Amino acid sequence: MLRLNLMPWRERRRARDAYRFRVLVIASLLVALLGVMLLDHLARSRLARQIDAVTAQQAEVQRLDAIVAQVEQLRQARDALLAEHAELVGLRARQATLPGVFLGLEHALPEGARLTELKALDGQFRLTGQAASPAVIARFMRDLQAAQVLQDLQLVHLRNLETGDEFVLTARLAAHGS
């Protein structure tokens, strides 16, 4: 009977299987390493894209904030211009009424009375003058009320002097009453 020694054959097979196992383990470790590196690269590129998007959004927000600031400045300038326009319209309206006031004063001023001072401030008039008697002052006040140029006419002060009676009247413009 022939005796065959199978031991070297088995050992070669075991060595070959061990070599294959090592190669498979190393290959699977390399594939896993490449997979991890690929996932890391994808995550980093996604993070970079998100950072770029956030940076772009922040730049857009800053641009819009600058535009909003400009709009607010323009709105304030517009409000200032509207206020100036309203003031100019008011001045123009008062300018148109002043000739009528002076004409009414001229027609209402009776003989024996004269105005020494006329002050106008915000539609309020203060008339200071002298008259020959209190009756002349009363007639002057009646004529002013009849002319309807001034409203709320009031005698503030009446003083008897050697040269005549000094008087102070206050009134407001009829146009400012409404």
Protein backbone atom coordinates (compact mmCIF):
# COMPACT_ATOMS: atom_id res chain seq x y z
CA MET A 1 0.00 0.00 0.00
CA LEU A 2 1.13 3.23 -0.97
CA ARG A 3 1.19 5.97 1.52
CA LEU A 4 0.62 9.41 0.33
CA ASN A 5 1.53 12.35 2.41
CA LEU A 6 -1.20 14.99 1.96
CA MET A 7 0.26 17.29 4.51
CA PRO A 8 2.24 19.53 2.15
CA TRP A 9 -0.74 19.87 -0.15
CA ARG A 10 -3.00 20.88 2.74
CA GLU A 11 -0.44 23.32 4.02
CA ARG A 12 -0.10 24.93 0.60
CA ARG A 13 -3.87 25.17 0.38
CA ARG A 14 -4.05 26.74 3.85
CA ALA A 15 -1.29 29.19 2.97
CA ARG A 16 -3.07 30.07 -0.29
CA ASP A 17 -6.39 30.55 1.59
CA ALA A 18 -4.67 32.68 4.22
CA TYR A 19 -3.06 34.77 1.46
CA ARG A 20 -6.44 35.20 -0.26
CA PHE A 21 -8.01 36.18 3.07
CA ARG A 22 -5.30 38.77 3.68
CA VAL A 23 -5.72 40.14 0.17
CA LEU A 24 -9.50 40.32 0.61
CA VAL A 25 -9.16 42.03 4.01
CA ILE A 26 -6.66 44.55 2.61
CA ALA A 27 -8.86 45.14 -0.49
CA SER A 28 -11.98 45.61 1.64
CA LEU A 29 -10.05 47.99 3.94
CA LEU A 30 -8.91 49.95 0.88
CA VAL A 31 -12.48 50.05 -0.49
CA ALA A 32 -13.78 51.16 2.93
CA LEU A 33 -11.05 53.82 3.14
CA LEU A 34 -11.91 55.04 -0.35
CA GLY A 35 -15.61 55.07 0.59
CA VAL A 36 -14.91 57.11 3.73
CA MET A 37 -12.71 59.50 1.76
CA LEU A 38 -15.46 59.87 -0.88
CA LEU A 39 -18.10 60.54 1.79
CA ASP A 40 -15.76 63.05 3.46
CA HIS A 41 -15.17 64.81 0.14
CA LEU A 42 -18.93 64.91 -0.57
CA ALA A 43 -19.64 66.28 2.92
CA ARG A 44 -16.92 68.92 2.61
CA SER A 45 -18.14 70.01 -0.84
CA ARG A 46 -21.72 70.20 0.46
CA LEU A 47 -20.54 72.27 3.43
CA ALA A 48 -18.60 74.56 1.08
CA ARG A 49 -21.71 75.01 -1.10
CA GLN A 50 -23.78 75.83 2.00
CA ILE A 51 -21.17 78.34 3.17
CA ASP A 52 -21.19 79.93 -0.30
CA ALA A 53 -24.99 80.08 -0.23
CA VAL A 54 -25.02 81.64 3.25
CA THR A 55 -22.36 84.16 2.20
CA ALA A 56 -24.37 85.05 -0.90
CA GLN A 57 -27.53 85.45 1.19
CA GLN A 58 -25.70 87.66 3.69
CA ALA A 59 -24.37 89.80 0.85
CA GLU A 60 -27.90 90.09 -0.55
CA VAL A 61 -29.25 91.01 2.90
CA GLN A 62 -26.58 93.70 3.26
CA ARG A 63 -27.40 95.02 -0.21
CA LEU A 64 -31.11 95.11 0.68
CA ASP A 65 -30.31 96.81 4.01
CA ALA A 66 -28.41 99.50 2.11
CA ILE A 67 -31.39 99.93 -0.23
CA VAL A 68 -33.77 100.14 2.75
CA ALA A 69 -31.52 102.79 4.34
CA GLN A 70 -31.56 104.77 1.08
CA VAL A 71 -35.35 104.46 0.89
CA GLU A 72 -35.64 105.67 4.48
CA GLN A 73 -33.41 108.66 3.70
CA LEU A 74 -35.50 109.42 0.64
CA ARG A 75 -38.69 109.10 2.70
CA GLN A 76 -37.31 111.55 5.27
CA ALA A 77 -36.24 113.94 2.51
CA ARG A 78 -39.71 113.61 0.96
CA ASP A 79 -41.38 114.35 4.30
CA ALA A 80 -39.15 117.40 4.75
CA LEU A 81 -40.00 118.60 1.24
CA LEU A 82 -43.72 118.07 1.85
CA ALA A 83 -43.48 120.08 5.07
CA GLU A 84 -41.66 122.87 3.24
CA HIS A 85 -44.26 122.75 0.47
CA ALA A 86 -47.09 123.01 2.98
CA GLU A 87 -45.36 125.94 4.63
CA LEU A 88 -44.86 127.65 1.27
CA VAL A 89 -48.51 127.09 0.36
CA GLY A 90 -49.50 128.64 3.69
CA LEU A 91 -47.21 131.60 3.09
CA ARG A 92 -48.61 132.03 -0.40
CA ALA A 93 -52.17 131.99 0.96
CA ARG A 94 -51.29 134.57 3.62
CA GLN A 95 -49.49 136.65 1.03
CA ALA A 96 -52.66 136.77 -1.02
CA THR A 97 -54.74 137.88 2.00
CA LEU A 98 -52.44 140.64 3.23
CA PRO A 99 -53.35 143.16 0.50
CA GLY A 100 -57.01 142.58 1.37
CA VAL A 101 -56.27 143.16 5.05
CA PHE A 102 -54.47 146.42 4.34
CA LEU A 103 -57.21 147.55 2.01
CA GLY A 104 -59.83 146.72 4.67
CA LEU A 105 -57.81 148.60 7.28
CA GLU A 106 -57.54 151.62 4.99
CA HIS A 107 -61.29 151.72 4.34
CA ALA A 108 -62.21 151.10 7.98
CA LEU A 109 -59.84 153.68 9.47
CA PRO A 110 -61.99 156.73 10.28
CA GLU A 111 -60.89 160.32 10.26
CA GLY A 112 -59.42 161.26 13.62
CA ALA A 113 -57.65 157.92 14.09
CA ARG A 114 -54.22 156.74 13.02
CA LEU A 115 -52.32 153.49 13.38
CA THR A 116 -48.87 153.70 14.90
CA GLU A 117 -47.96 150.03 14.89
CA LEU A 118 -49.17 146.86 13.22
CA LYS A 119 -47.77 143.45 14.24
CA ALA A 120 -48.74 140.18 12.60
CA LEU A 121 -47.65 136.78 13.90
CA ASP A 122 -49.18 133.42 12.92
CA GLY A 123 -52.41 135.00 11.72
CA GLN A 124 -52.78 137.16 14.84
CA PHE A 125 -52.77 140.94 14.43
CA ARG A 126 -52.00 143.57 17.04
CA LEU A 127 -53.03 147.10 16.07
CA THR A 128 -51.74 150.03 18.08
CA GLY A 129 -52.81 153.58 17.38
CA GLN A 130 -54.21 156.88 18.57
CA ALA A 131 -57.66 158.34 18.17
CA ALA A 132 -59.32 161.63 18.97
CA SER A 133 -61.93 160.01 21.23
CA PRO A 134 -63.29 156.61 22.32
CA ALA A 135 -66.19 157.08 19.88
CA VAL A 136 -63.71 157.10 16.97
CA ILE A 137 -62.20 153.85 18.27
CA ALA A 138 -65.67 152.27 18.53
CA ARG A 139 -66.50 153.33 14.95
CA PHE A 140 -63.13 151.91 13.78
CA MET A 141 -63.92 148.57 15.44
CA ARG A 142 -67.44 148.46 13.90
CA ASP A 143 -66.04 149.23 10.44
CA LEU A 144 -63.34 146.51 10.81
CA GLN A 145 -65.97 143.95 11.81
CA ALA A 146 -68.17 145.00 8.89
CA ALA A 147 -65.24 144.60 6.46
CA GLN A 148 -64.93 140.93 7.62
CA VAL A 149 -61.18 140.93 7.07
CA LEU A 150 -60.37 140.41 10.73
CA GLN A 151 -62.20 138.22 13.24
CA ASP A 152 -62.39 138.13 17.04
CA LEU A 153 -61.60 141.85 17.31
CA GLN A 154 -60.91 142.83 20.92
CA LEU A 155 -59.94 146.06 22.61
CA VAL A 156 -56.98 145.14 24.82
CA HIS A 157 -55.87 148.53 26.05
CA LEU A 158 -57.27 152.07 26.08
CA ARG A 159 -55.35 154.91 27.70
CA ASN A 160 -56.19 158.60 27.75
CA LEU A 161 -53.25 160.84 26.81
CA GLU A 162 -52.94 164.56 26.23
CA THR A 163 -52.68 164.02 22.45
CA GLY A 164 -55.71 161.68 22.34
CA ASP A 165 -56.66 158.16 23.30
CA GLU A 166 -54.09 155.41 22.75
CA PHE A 167 -55.60 152.01 21.94
CA VAL A 168 -54.43 148.42 21.33
CA LEU A 169 -56.62 146.00 19.38
CA THR A 170 -56.06 142.30 18.72
CA ALA A 171 -57.67 140.20 16.02
CA ARG A 172 -56.99 137.22 13.81
CA LEU A 173 -57.15 136.84 10.07
CA ALA A 174 -60.46 135.65 8.70
CA ALA A 175 -58.67 133.16 6.40
CA HIS A 176 -57.02 131.42 9.36
CA GLY A 177 -60.25 130.95 11.24
CA SER A 178 -61.40 128.04 9.09
